[in-house]
PDB file of N, CA and C in Angstrom:
ATOM      1  N   MET A   1     134.069  19.740  85.838  1.00  0.00           N
ATOM      2  CA  MET A   1     132.647  19.851  85.562  1.00  0.00           C
ATOM      3  C   MET A   1     132.414  19.707  84.062  1.00  0.00           C
ATOM      4  N   LYS A   2     131.557  18.800  83.729  1.00  0.00           N
ATOM      5  CA  LYS A   2     131.157  18.632  82.267  1.00  0.00           C
ATOM      6  C   LYS A   2     130.314  19.648  81.800  1.00  0.00           C
ATOM      7  N   LYS A   3     130.694  20.215  80.577  1.00  0.00           N
ATOM      8  CA  LYS A   3     129.720  21.251  79.960  1.00  0.00           C
ATOM      9  C   LYS A   3     128.949  20.726  78.760  1.00  0.00           C
ATOM     10  N   ILE A   4     127.707  21.157  78.756  1.00  0.00           N
ATOM     11  CA  ILE A   4     126.599  20.753  77.878  1.00  0.00           C
ATOM     12  C   ILE A   4     125.974  21.961  77.192  1.00  0.00           C
ATOM     13  N   LEU A   5     126.039  21.855  75.795  1.00  0.00           N
ATOM     14  CA  LEU A   5     125.199  22.814  75.147  1.00  0.00           C
ATOM     15  C   LEU A   5     123.894  22.157  74.662  1.00  0.00           C
ATOM     16  N   VAL A   6     122.816  22.798  75.068  1.00  0.00           N
ATOM     17  CA  VAL A   6     121.441  22.217  74.606  1.00  0.00           C
ATOM     18  C   VAL A   6     120.957  23.142  73.530  1.00  0.00           C
ATOM     19  N   VAL A   7     120.602  22.509  72.306  1.00  0.00           N
ATOM     20  CA  VAL A   7     120.130  23.173  71.081  1.00  0.00           C
ATOM     21  C   VAL A   7     118.706  22.750  70.723  1.00  0.00           C
ATOM     22  N   ASP A   8     117.736  23.655  70.969  1.00  0.00           N
ATOM     23  CA  ASP A   8     116.404  23.250  70.707  1.00  0.00           C
ATOM     24  C   ASP A   8     115.614  24.528  70.615  1.00  0.00           C
ATOM     25  N   GLY A   9     114.699  24.551  69.603  1.00  0.00           N
ATOM     26  CA  GLY A   9     114.037  25.685  69.324  1.00  0.00           C
ATOM     27  C   GLY A   9     112.924  25.860  70.475  1.00  0.00           C
ATOM     28  N   ASP A  10     112.553  24.759  71.213  1.00  0.00           N
ATOM     29  CA  ASP A  10     111.527  24.817  72.181  1.00  0.00           C
ATOM     30  C   ASP A  10     111.979  25.195  73.516  1.00  0.00           C
ATOM     31  N   GLU A  11     111.698  26.457  73.914  1.00  0.00           N
ATOM     32  CA  GLU A  11     112.145  27.119  75.064  1.00  0.00           C
ATOM     33  C   GLU A  11     111.915  26.266  76.304  1.00  0.00           C
ATOM     34  N   ASN A  12     110.754  25.462  76.360  1.00  0.00           N
ATOM     35  CA  ASN A  12     110.466  24.629  77.528  1.00  0.00           C
ATOM     36  C   ASN A  12     111.514  23.428  77.624  1.00  0.00           C
ATOM     37  N   VAL A  13     111.910  22.946  76.553  1.00  0.00           N
ATOM     38  CA  VAL A  13     112.894  21.858  76.481  1.00  0.00           C
ATOM     39  C   VAL A  13     114.143  22.381  77.087  1.00  0.00           C
ATOM     40  N   CYS A  14     114.619  23.549  76.557  1.00  0.00           N
ATOM     41  CA  CYS A  14     115.849  24.106  76.987  1.00  0.00           C
ATOM     42  C   CYS A  14     115.873  24.391  78.436  1.00  0.00           C
ATOM     43  N   THR A  15     114.785  24.918  79.111  1.00  0.00           N
ATOM     44  CA  THR A  15     114.650  25.273  80.379  1.00  0.00           C
ATOM     45  C   THR A  15     114.710  24.043  81.163  1.00  0.00           C
ATOM     46  N   SER A  16     113.990  22.858  80.805  1.00  0.00           N
ATOM     47  CA  SER A  16     113.991  21.693  81.671  1.00  0.00           C
ATOM     48  C   SER A  16     115.242  20.985  81.608  1.00  0.00           C
ATOM     49  N   MET A  17     116.046  20.963  80.567  1.00  0.00           N
ATOM     50  CA  MET A  17     117.379  20.444  80.457  1.00  0.00           C
ATOM     51  C   MET A  17     118.228  21.240  81.159  1.00  0.00           C
ATOM     52  N   TYR A  18     118.131  22.545  81.157  1.00  0.00           N
ATOM     53  CA  TYR A  18     118.972  23.382  82.023  1.00  0.00           C
ATOM     54  C   TYR A  18     118.834  23.022  83.491  1.00  0.00           C
ATOM     55  N   VAL A  19     117.577  23.161  83.905  1.00  0.00           N
ATOM     56  CA  VAL A  19     117.465  22.882  85.319  1.00  0.00           C
ATOM     57  C   VAL A  19     117.691  21.442  85.784  1.00  0.00           C
ATOM     58  N   GLY A  20     117.289  20.537  84.910  1.00  0.00           N
ATOM     59  CA  GLY A  20     117.636  19.107  85.347  1.00  0.00           C
ATOM     60  C   GLY A  20     119.071  18.836  85.425  1.00  0.00           C
ATOM     61  N   LEU A  21     119.871  19.392  84.371  1.00  0.00           N
ATOM     62  CA  LEU A  21     121.300  19.069  84.321  1.00  0.00           C
ATOM     63  C   LEU A  21     122.164  19.828  85.388  1.00  0.00           C
ATOM     64  N   THR A  22     121.697  21.112  85.570  1.00  0.00           N
ATOM     65  CA  THR A  22     122.491  21.832  86.561  1.00  0.00           C
ATOM     66  C   THR A  22     122.285  21.351  87.940  1.00  0.00           C
ATOM     67  N   ARG A  23     121.157  20.746  88.278  1.00  0.00           N
ATOM     68  CA  ARG A  23     120.912  20.076  89.487  1.00  0.00           C
ATOM     69  C   ARG A  23     121.828  18.937  89.607  1.00  0.00           C
ATOM     70  N   LYS A  24     122.223  18.336  88.583  1.00  0.00           N
ATOM     71  CA  LYS A  24     123.064  17.110  88.578  1.00  0.00           C
ATOM     72  C   LYS A  24     124.558  17.419  88.552  1.00  0.00           C
ATOM     73  N   GLY A  25     124.870  18.764  88.461  1.00  0.00           N
ATOM     74  CA  GLY A  25     126.168  19.295  88.584  1.00  0.00           C
ATOM     75  C   GLY A  25     126.925  19.645  87.332  1.00  0.00           C
ATOM     76  N   TYR A  26     126.121  19.693  86.223  1.00  0.00           N
ATOM     77  CA  TYR A  26     126.578  19.948  84.935  1.00  0.00           C
ATOM     78  C   TYR A  26     126.515  21.413  84.729  1.00  0.00           C
ATOM     79  N   PHE A  27     127.470  22.124  83.892  1.00  0.00           N
ATOM     80  CA  PHE A  27     127.394  23.433  83.370  1.00  0.00           C
ATOM     81  C   PHE A  27     126.628  23.338  82.153  1.00  0.00           C
ATOM     82  N   VAL A  28     125.595  24.250  82.024  1.00  0.00           N
ATOM     83  CA  VAL A  28     124.630  24.091  80.845  1.00  0.00           C
ATOM     84  C   VAL A  28     124.478  25.431  80.181  1.00  0.00           C
ATOM     85  N   GLU A  29     124.549  25.493  78.934  1.00  0.00           N
ATOM     86  CA  GLU A  29     124.209  26.619  78.112  1.00  0.00           C
ATOM     87  C   GLU A  29     123.099  26.229  77.104  1.00  0.00           C
ATOM     88  N   THR A  30     122.297  27.035  76.693  1.00  0.00           N
ATOM     89  CA  THR A  30     121.238  26.660  75.622  1.00  0.00           C
ATOM     90  C   THR A  30     121.353  27.596  74.451  1.00  0.00           C
ATOM     91  N   ALA A  31     120.927  27.113  73.387  1.00  0.00           N
ATOM     92  CA  ALA A  31     120.756  27.799  72.161  1.00  0.00           C
ATOM     93  C   ALA A  31     119.498  27.437  71.368  1.00  0.00           C
ATOM     94  N   LYS A  32     118.778  28.475  70.792  1.00  0.00           N
ATOM     95  CA  LYS A  32     117.417  28.354  70.169  1.00  0.00           C
ATOM     96  C   LYS A  32     117.480  27.750  68.828  1.00  0.00           C
ATOM     97  N   ASN A  33     118.777  27.712  68.163  1.00  0.00           N
ATOM     98  CA  ASN A  33     118.823  27.004  66.817  1.00  0.00           C
ATOM     99  C   ASN A  33     120.177  26.747  66.716  1.00  0.00           C
ATOM    100  N   SER A  34     120.498  25.900  65.597  1.00  0.00           N
ATOM    101  CA  SER A  34     121.821  25.338  65.367  1.00  0.00           C
ATOM    102  C   SER A  34     122.775  26.359  64.948  1.00  0.00           C
ATOM    103  N   VAL A  35     122.354  27.520  64.218  1.00  0.00           N
ATOM    104  CA  VAL A  35     123.323  28.603  64.083  1.00  0.00           C
ATOM    105  C   VAL A  35     123.894  29.168  65.357  1.00  0.00           C
ATOM    106  N   ASP A  36     122.877  29.578  66.198  1.00  0.00           N
ATOM    107  CA  ASP A  36     123.270  30.058  67.503  1.00  0.00           C
ATOM    108  C   ASP A  36     124.285  28.993  68.265  1.00  0.00           C
ATOM    109  N   GLY A  37     123.860  27.744  68.254  1.00  0.00           N
ATOM    110  CA  GLY A  37     124.502  26.800  68.765  1.00  0.00           C
ATOM    111  C   GLY A  37     125.998  26.552  68.328  1.00  0.00           C
ATOM    112  N   LEU A  38     126.186  26.759  67.022  1.00  0.00           N
ATOM    113  CA  LEU A  38     127.561  26.719  66.295  1.00  0.00           C
ATOM    114  C   LEU A  38     128.353  27.795  66.995  1.00  0.00           C
ATOM    115  N   LYS A  39     127.670  29.133  67.041  1.00  0.00           N
ATOM    116  CA  LYS A  39     128.447  30.277  67.463  1.00  0.00           C
ATOM    117  C   LYS A  39     128.968  30.026  69.067  1.00  0.00           C
ATOM    118  N   LYS A  40     128.127  29.420  69.704  1.00  0.00           N
ATOM    119  CA  LYS A  40     128.406  29.164  71.226  1.00  0.00           C
ATOM    120  C   LYS A  40     129.436  28.120  71.292  1.00  0.00           C
ATOM    121  N   ALA A  41     129.404  27.083  70.456  1.00  0.00           N
ATOM    122  CA  ALA A  41     130.316  25.985  70.470  1.00  0.00           C
ATOM    123  C   ALA A  41     131.855  26.520  70.202  1.00  0.00           C
ATOM    124  N   LYS A  42     131.772  27.567  69.328  1.00  0.00           N
ATOM    125  CA  LYS A  42     133.041  28.036  68.881  1.00  0.00           C
ATOM    126  C   LYS A  42     133.752  28.983  70.032  1.00  0.00           C
ATOM    127  N   LYS A  43     132.827  29.502  70.901  1.00  0.00           N
ATOM    128  CA  LYS A  43     133.307  30.411  71.865  1.00  0.00           C
ATOM    129  C   LYS A  43     133.607  29.607  73.160  1.00  0.00           C
ATOM    130  N   LYS A  44     133.111  28.487  73.386  1.00  0.00           N
ATOM    131  CA  LYS A  44     133.337  27.792  74.698  1.00  0.00           C
ATOM    132  C   LYS A  44     133.689  26.345  74.382  1.00  0.00           C
ATOM    133  N   SER A  45     134.259  25.694  75.361  1.00  0.00           N
ATOM    134  CA  SER A  45     134.700  24.253  75.160  1.00  0.00           C
ATOM    135  C   SER A  45     133.547  23.486  76.073  1.00  0.00           C
ATOM    136  N   PHE A  46     132.823  22.728  75.123  1.00  0.00           N
ATOM    137  CA  PHE A  46     131.637  21.910  75.583  1.00  0.00           C
ATOM    138  C   PHE A  46     132.250  20.470  75.531  1.00  0.00           C
ATOM    139  N   ASN A  47     131.784  19.630  76.462  1.00  0.00           N
ATOM    140  CA  ASN A  47     131.931  18.180  76.382  1.00  0.00           C
ATOM    141  C   ASN A  47     130.850  17.543  75.427  1.00  0.00           C
ATOM    142  N   PHE A  48     129.553  18.102  75.566  1.00  0.00           N
ATOM    143  CA  PHE A  48     128.575  17.402  74.934  1.00  0.00           C
ATOM    144  C   PHE A  48     127.700  18.441  74.166  1.00  0.00           C
ATOM    145  N   ILE A  49     127.014  18.225  73.020  1.00  0.00           N
ATOM    146  CA  ILE A  49     125.978  18.981  72.483  1.00  0.00           C
ATOM    147  C   ILE A  49     124.833  18.036  72.339  1.00  0.00           C
ATOM    148  N   LEU A  50     123.741  18.506  72.963  1.00  0.00           N
ATOM    149  CA  LEU A  50     122.426  17.810  73.060  1.00  0.00           C
ATOM    150  C   LEU A  50     121.459  18.638  72.101  1.00  0.00           C
ATOM    151  N   THR A  51     121.281  18.025  70.868  1.00  0.00           N
ATOM    152  CA  THR A  51     120.459  18.918  69.822  1.00  0.00           C
ATOM    153  C   THR A  51     119.331  18.151  69.382  1.00  0.00           C
ATOM    154  N   ASP A  52     118.276  18.931  69.017  1.00  0.00           N
ATOM    155  CA  ASP A  52     117.063  18.465  68.469  1.00  0.00           C
ATOM    156  C   ASP A  52     117.284  18.446  66.955  1.00  0.00           C
ATOM    157  N   ILE A  53     117.091  17.447  66.300  1.00  0.00           N
ATOM    158  CA  ILE A  53     117.349  17.421  64.888  1.00  0.00           C
ATOM    159  C   ILE A  53     116.292  18.175  64.109  1.00  0.00           C
ATOM    160  N   GLU A  54     115.138  18.573  64.714  1.00  0.00           N
ATOM    161  CA  GLU A  54     114.223  19.511  64.200  1.00  0.00           C
ATOM    162  C   GLU A  54     114.109  20.842  64.666  1.00  0.00           C
ATOM    163  N   SER A  55     115.322  21.179  65.217  1.00  0.00           N
ATOM    164  CA  SER A  55     115.349  22.566  65.758  1.00  0.00           C
ATOM    165  C   SER A  55     115.528  23.606  64.513  1.00  0.00           C
ATOM    166  N   PRO A  56     115.189  24.657  64.739  1.00  0.00           N
ATOM    167  CA  PRO A  56     115.252  25.813  63.573  1.00  0.00           C
ATOM    168  C   PRO A  56     116.604  25.768  63.045  1.00  0.00           C
ATOM    169  N   ASN A  57     116.695  25.763  61.718  1.00  0.00           N
ATOM    170  CA  ASN A  57     118.008  25.919  61.065  1.00  0.00           C
ATOM    171  C   ASN A  57     118.817  24.632  61.017  1.00  0.00           C
ATOM    172  N   PHE A  58     118.291  23.673  61.708  1.00  0.00           N
ATOM    173  CA  PHE A  58     119.109  22.436  61.686  1.00  0.00           C
ATOM    174  C   PHE A  58     119.174  21.716  60.335  1.00  0.00           C
ATOM    175  N   ASN A  59     120.306  21.337  59.973  1.00  0.00           N
ATOM    176  CA  ASN A  59     120.434  20.360  58.926  1.00  0.00           C
ATOM    177  C   ASN A  59     121.713  19.572  59.390  1.00  0.00           C
ATOM    178  N   GLY A  60     121.881  18.351  59.068  1.00  0.00           N
ATOM    179  CA  GLY A  60     122.986  17.554  59.428  1.00  0.00           C
ATOM    180  C   GLY A  60     124.218  18.086  59.066  1.00  0.00           C
ATOM    181  N   ALA A  61     124.243  19.019  58.146  1.00  0.00           N
ATOM    182  CA  ALA A  61     125.485  19.631  57.735  1.00  0.00           C
ATOM    183  C   ALA A  61     126.084  20.451  58.943  1.00  0.00           C
ATOM    184  N   VAL A  62     125.289  21.063  59.857  1.00  0.00           N
ATOM    185  CA  VAL A  62     125.904  21.883  60.820  1.00  0.00           C
ATOM    186  C   VAL A  62     126.768  21.022  61.779  1.00  0.00           C
ATOM    187  N   LEU A  63     126.500  19.801  61.847  1.00  0.00           N
ATOM    188  CA  LEU A  63     127.344  18.789  62.570  1.00  0.00           C
ATOM    189  C   LEU A  63     128.851  18.694  62.079  1.00  0.00           C
ATOM    190  N   ILE A  64     128.920  18.836  60.886  1.00  0.00           N
ATOM    191  CA  ILE A  64     130.212  18.695  60.246  1.00  0.00           C
ATOM    192  C   ILE A  64     131.327  19.595  60.670  1.00  0.00           C
ATOM    193  N   PRO A  65     130.996  21.104  60.733  1.00  0.00           N
ATOM    194  CA  PRO A  65     131.938  21.968  61.273  1.00  0.00           C
ATOM    195  C   PRO A  65     132.296  21.624  62.767  1.00  0.00           C
ATOM    196  N   ILE A  66     131.275  21.161  63.534  1.00  0.00           N
ATOM    197  CA  ILE A  66     131.504  21.089  64.885  1.00  0.00           C
ATOM    198  C   ILE A  66     132.313  19.860  65.188  1.00  0.00           C
ATOM    199  N   THR A  67     132.045  18.601  64.445  1.00  0.00           N
ATOM    200  CA  THR A  67     132.861  17.438  64.616  1.00  0.00           C
ATOM    201  C   THR A  67     134.142  17.504  63.964  1.00  0.00           C
ATOM    202  N   THR A  68     134.409  18.435  62.972  1.00  0.00           N
ATOM    203  CA  THR A  68     135.660  18.641  62.439  1.00  0.00           C
ATOM    204  C   THR A  68     136.516  19.540  63.203  1.00  0.00           C
ATOM    205  N   ILE A  69     136.013  20.743  63.721  1.00  0.00           N
ATOM    206  CA  ILE A  69     136.675  21.615  64.507  1.00  0.00           C
ATOM    207  C   ILE A  69     137.037  21.096  65.956  1.00  0.00           C
ATOM    208  N   PHE A  70     135.832  20.407  66.441  1.00  0.00           N
ATOM    209  CA  PHE A  70     135.992  20.002  67.871  1.00  0.00           C
ATOM    210  C   PHE A  70     135.659  18.530  67.906  1.00  0.00           C
ATOM    211  N   PRO A  71     136.596  17.684  67.516  1.00  0.00           N
ATOM    212  CA  PRO A  71     136.306  16.175  67.381  1.00  0.00           C
ATOM    213  C   PRO A  71     136.013  15.676  68.771  1.00  0.00           C
ATOM    214  N   GLU A  72     136.510  16.390  69.837  1.00  0.00           N
ATOM    215  CA  GLU A  72     136.238  15.827  71.250  1.00  0.00           C
ATOM    216  C   GLU A  72     134.881  16.025  71.788  1.00  0.00           C
ATOM    217  N   ILE A  73     134.115  16.996  71.062  1.00  0.00           N
ATOM    218  CA  ILE A  73     132.640  17.177  71.664  1.00  0.00           C
ATOM    219  C   ILE A  73     131.781  15.905  71.172  1.00  0.00           C
ATOM    220  N   LYS A  74     131.184  15.400  72.209  1.00  0.00           N
ATOM    221  CA  LYS A  74     130.135  14.300  71.826  1.00  0.00           C
ATOM    222  C   LYS A  74     128.756  14.895  71.502  1.00  0.00           C
ATOM    223  N   ILE A  75     128.199  14.319  70.428  1.00  0.00           N
ATOM    224  CA  ILE A  75     126.863  14.819  69.978  1.00  0.00           C
ATOM    225  C   ILE A  75     125.730  13.798  70.390  1.00  0.00           C
ATOM    226  N   ILE A  76     124.646  14.294  71.071  1.00  0.00           N
ATOM    227  CA  ILE A  76     123.554  13.580  71.356  1.00  0.00           C
ATOM    228  C   ILE A  76     122.314  14.146  70.667  1.00  0.00           C
ATOM    229  N   LEU A  77     121.587  13.328  69.901  1.00  0.00           N
ATOM    230  CA  LEU A  77     120.447  13.761  69.223  1.00  0.00           C
ATOM    231  C   LEU A  77     119.146  13.538  69.938  1.00  0.00           C
ATOM    232  N   MET A  78     118.287  14.459  69.895  1.00  0.00           N
ATOM    233  CA  MET A  78     116.903  14.436  70.497  1.00  0.00           C
ATOM    234  C   MET A  78     115.964  14.259  69.237  1.00  0.00           C
ATOM    235  N   LEU A  79     115.121  13.248  69.256  1.00  0.00           N
ATOM    236  CA  LEU A  79     114.179  13.074  68.183  1.00  0.00           C
ATOM    237  C   LEU A  79     112.725  13.337  68.583  1.00  0.00           C
ATOM    238  N   ALA A  80     111.938  13.897  67.824  1.00  0.00           N
ATOM    239  CA  ALA A  80     110.533  14.063  68.032  1.00  0.00           C
ATOM    240  C   ALA A  80     109.809  12.772  68.161  1.00  0.00           C
ATOM    241  N   PRO A  81     108.819  12.615  68.789  1.00  0.00           N
ATOM    242  CA  PRO A  81     108.077  11.327  68.826  1.00  0.00           C
ATOM    243  C   PRO A  81     107.549  11.023  67.331  1.00  0.00           C
ATOM    244  N   GLY A  82     107.917   9.780  66.910  1.00  0.00           N
ATOM    245  CA  GLY A  82     107.395   9.262  65.621  1.00  0.00           C
ATOM    246  C   GLY A  82     108.301   9.853  64.537  1.00  0.00           C
ATOM    247  N   SER A  83     109.437  10.266  64.824  1.00  0.00           N
ATOM    248  CA  SER A  83     110.365  10.795  63.900  1.00  0.00           C
ATOM    249  C   SER A  83     110.597   9.742  62.773  1.00  0.00           C
ATOM    250  N   GLU A  84     110.800  10.321  61.598  1.00  0.00           N
ATOM    251  CA  GLU A  84     111.152   9.434  60.503  1.00  0.00           C
ATOM    252  C   GLU A  84     112.548   8.833  60.676  1.00  0.00           C
ATOM    253  N   LYS A  85     112.965   7.809  59.956  1.00  0.00           N
ATOM    254  CA  LYS A  85     114.205   7.328  60.007  1.00  0.00           C
ATOM    255  C   LYS A  85     115.236   8.425  59.693  1.00  0.00           C
ATOM    256  N   LEU A  86     116.364   8.468  60.453  1.00  0.00           N
ATOM    257  CA  LEU A  86     117.510   9.255  60.397  1.00  0.00           C
ATOM    258  C   LEU A  86     118.319   9.185  59.198  1.00  0.00           C
ATOM    259  N   GLU A  87     118.991  10.248  58.596  1.00  0.00           N
ATOM    260  CA  GLU A  87     119.756  10.137  57.610  1.00  0.00           C
ATOM    261  C   GLU A  87     121.087   9.163  58.029  1.00  0.00           C
ATOM    262  N   GLU A  88     121.447   8.296  57.313  1.00  0.00           N
ATOM    263  CA  GLU A  88     122.658   7.343  57.785  1.00  0.00           C
ATOM    264  C   GLU A  88     123.745   8.053  58.356  1.00  0.00           C
ATOM    265  N   ARG A  89     124.151   9.199  58.014  1.00  0.00           N
ATOM    266  CA  ARG A  89     125.324   9.742  58.593  1.00  0.00           C
ATOM    267  C   ARG A  89     125.040  10.263  60.065  1.00  0.00           C
ATOM    268  N   LEU A  90     123.769  10.362  60.427  1.00  0.00           N
ATOM    269  CA  LEU A  90     123.406  10.732  61.701  1.00  0.00           C
ATOM    270  C   LEU A  90     123.099   9.616  62.781  1.00  0.00           C
ATOM    271  N   THR A  91     123.086   8.272  62.229  1.00  0.00           N
ATOM    272  CA  THR A  91     122.808   7.318  63.233  1.00  0.00           C
ATOM    273  C   THR A  91     124.015   6.854  63.950  1.00  0.00           C
ATOM    274  N   LYS A  92     125.097   7.347  63.762  1.00  0.00           N
ATOM    275  CA  LYS A  92     126.244   7.125  64.553  1.00  0.00           C
ATOM    276  C   LYS A  92     126.312   7.801  65.986  1.00  0.00           C
ATOM    277  N   TYR A  93     125.398   8.780  66.101  1.00  0.00           N
ATOM    278  CA  TYR A  93     125.282   9.509  67.409  1.00  0.00           C
ATOM    279  C   TYR A  93     124.207   8.828  68.258  1.00  0.00           C
ATOM    280  N   PRO A  94     124.407   8.897  69.583  1.00  0.00           N
ATOM    281  CA  PRO A  94     123.383   8.458  70.467  1.00  0.00           C
ATOM    282  C   PRO A  94     122.031   9.296  70.348  1.00  0.00           C
ATOM    283  N   GLN A  95     120.906   8.701  70.521  1.00  0.00           N
ATOM    284  CA  GLN A  95     119.631   9.262  70.120  1.00  0.00           C
ATOM    285  C   GLN A  95     118.647   9.062  71.318  1.00  0.00           C
ATOM    286  N   LEU A  96     117.908  10.054  71.722  1.00  0.00           N
ATOM    287  CA  LEU A  96     116.812   9.935  72.612  1.00  0.00           C
ATOM    288  C   LEU A  96     115.493  10.503  72.049  1.00  0.00           C
ATOM    289  N   SER A  97     114.435   9.697  72.122  1.00  0.00           N
ATOM    290  CA  SER A  97     113.175  10.062  71.644  1.00  0.00           C
ATOM    291  C   SER A  97     112.523  10.945  72.636  1.00  0.00           C
ATOM    292  N   LYS A  98     111.930  12.018  72.320  1.00  0.00           N
ATOM    293  CA  LYS A  98     111.123  12.814  73.154  1.00  0.00           C
ATOM    294  C   LYS A  98     109.583  12.211  73.523  1.00  0.00           C
ATOM    295  N   PRO A  99     109.153  12.314  74.502  1.00  0.00           N
ATOM    296  CA  PRO A  99     109.810  12.870  75.746  1.00  0.00           C
ATOM    297  C   PRO A  99     110.697  11.741  76.461  1.00  0.00           C
ATOM    298  N   PHE A 100     111.761  12.153  77.086  1.00  0.00           N
ATOM    299  CA  PHE A 100     112.645  11.202  77.621  1.00  0.00           C
ATOM    300  C   PHE A 100     112.945  11.715  79.126  1.00  0.00           C
ATOM    301  N   LYS A 101     113.270  10.645  79.844  1.00  0.00           N
ATOM    302  CA  LYS A 101     113.602  10.888  81.276  1.00  0.00           C
ATOM    303  C   LYS A 101     115.075  11.358  81.433  1.00  0.00           C
ATOM    304  N   ILE A 102     115.274  12.270  82.286  1.00  0.00           N
ATOM    305  CA  ILE A 102     116.602  12.830  82.683  1.00  0.00           C
ATOM    306  C   ILE A 102     117.580  11.663  82.902  1.00  0.00           C
ATOM    307  N   THR A 103     117.159  10.604  83.515  1.00  0.00           N
ATOM    308  CA  THR A 103     117.899   9.410  83.792  1.00  0.00           C
ATOM    309  C   THR A 103     118.444   8.796  82.512  1.00  0.00           C
ATOM    310  N   GLU A 104     117.693   8.719  81.398  1.00  0.00           N
ATOM    311  CA  GLU A 104     118.186   8.208  80.178  1.00  0.00           C
ATOM    312  C   GLU A 104     119.238   9.031  79.669  1.00  0.00           C
ATOM    313  N   LEU A 105     119.139  10.440  79.725  1.00  0.00           N
ATOM    314  CA  LEU A 105     120.194  11.293  79.351  1.00  0.00           C
ATOM    315  C   LEU A 105     121.497  10.986  80.066  1.00  0.00           C
ATOM    316  N   LEU A 106     121.339  10.947  81.395  1.00  0.00           N
ATOM    317  CA  LEU A 106     122.408  10.776  82.294  1.00  0.00           C
ATOM    318  C   LEU A 106     123.211   9.544  82.000  1.00  0.00           C
ATOM    319  N   ASP A 107     122.442   8.423  81.719  1.00  0.00           N
ATOM    320  CA  ASP A 107     123.085   7.256  81.296  1.00  0.00           C
ATOM    321  C   ASP A 107     124.091   7.409  80.206  1.00  0.00           C
ATOM    322  N   ILE A 108     123.709   8.336  79.087  1.00  0.00           N
ATOM    323  CA  ILE A 108     124.514   8.550  77.954  1.00  0.00           C
ATOM    324  C   ILE A 108     125.583   9.378  78.390  1.00  0.00           C
ATOM    325  N   LEU A 109     125.488  10.485  79.230  1.00  0.00           N
ATOM    326  CA  LEU A 109     126.510  11.495  79.642  1.00  0.00           C
ATOM    327  C   LEU A 109     127.490  10.778  80.427  1.00  0.00           C
ATOM    328  N   GLU A 110     127.120   9.900  81.211  1.00  0.00           N
ATOM    329  CA  GLU A 110     128.050   9.322  82.294  1.00  0.00           C
ATOM    330  C   GLU A 110     128.820   8.009  81.831  1.00  0.00           C
ATOM    331  N   ASN A 111     128.484   7.449  80.665  1.00  0.00           N
ATOM    332  CA  ASN A 111     129.087   6.362  80.058  1.00  0.00           C
ATOM    333  C   ASN A 111     129.888   6.699  78.777  1.00  0.00           C
TER     334      ASN A 111
END
């Protein structure tokens, strides 16, 4: 079973991702900010981290410890509608613009 950590300051997003992904057979945990997300990533083995780049306490630097300590974790970025251009170091990660359909996320998770 693939394990996904969803990091987003919006509880509704976390809940909808939890419900939608668990129905598809994924193990899902949520975190309200990137600090909490990093703590959870250190405690469990996740296959994916789905994170909002505008979540509380997010800065691209939080990805450095995750990708250094856990290079096997795949990062997927969620972007707010009309988000400005991403920092170049973030463009290497798959991106989904909110709102997105669960099928769009599943395409990334399953490929």
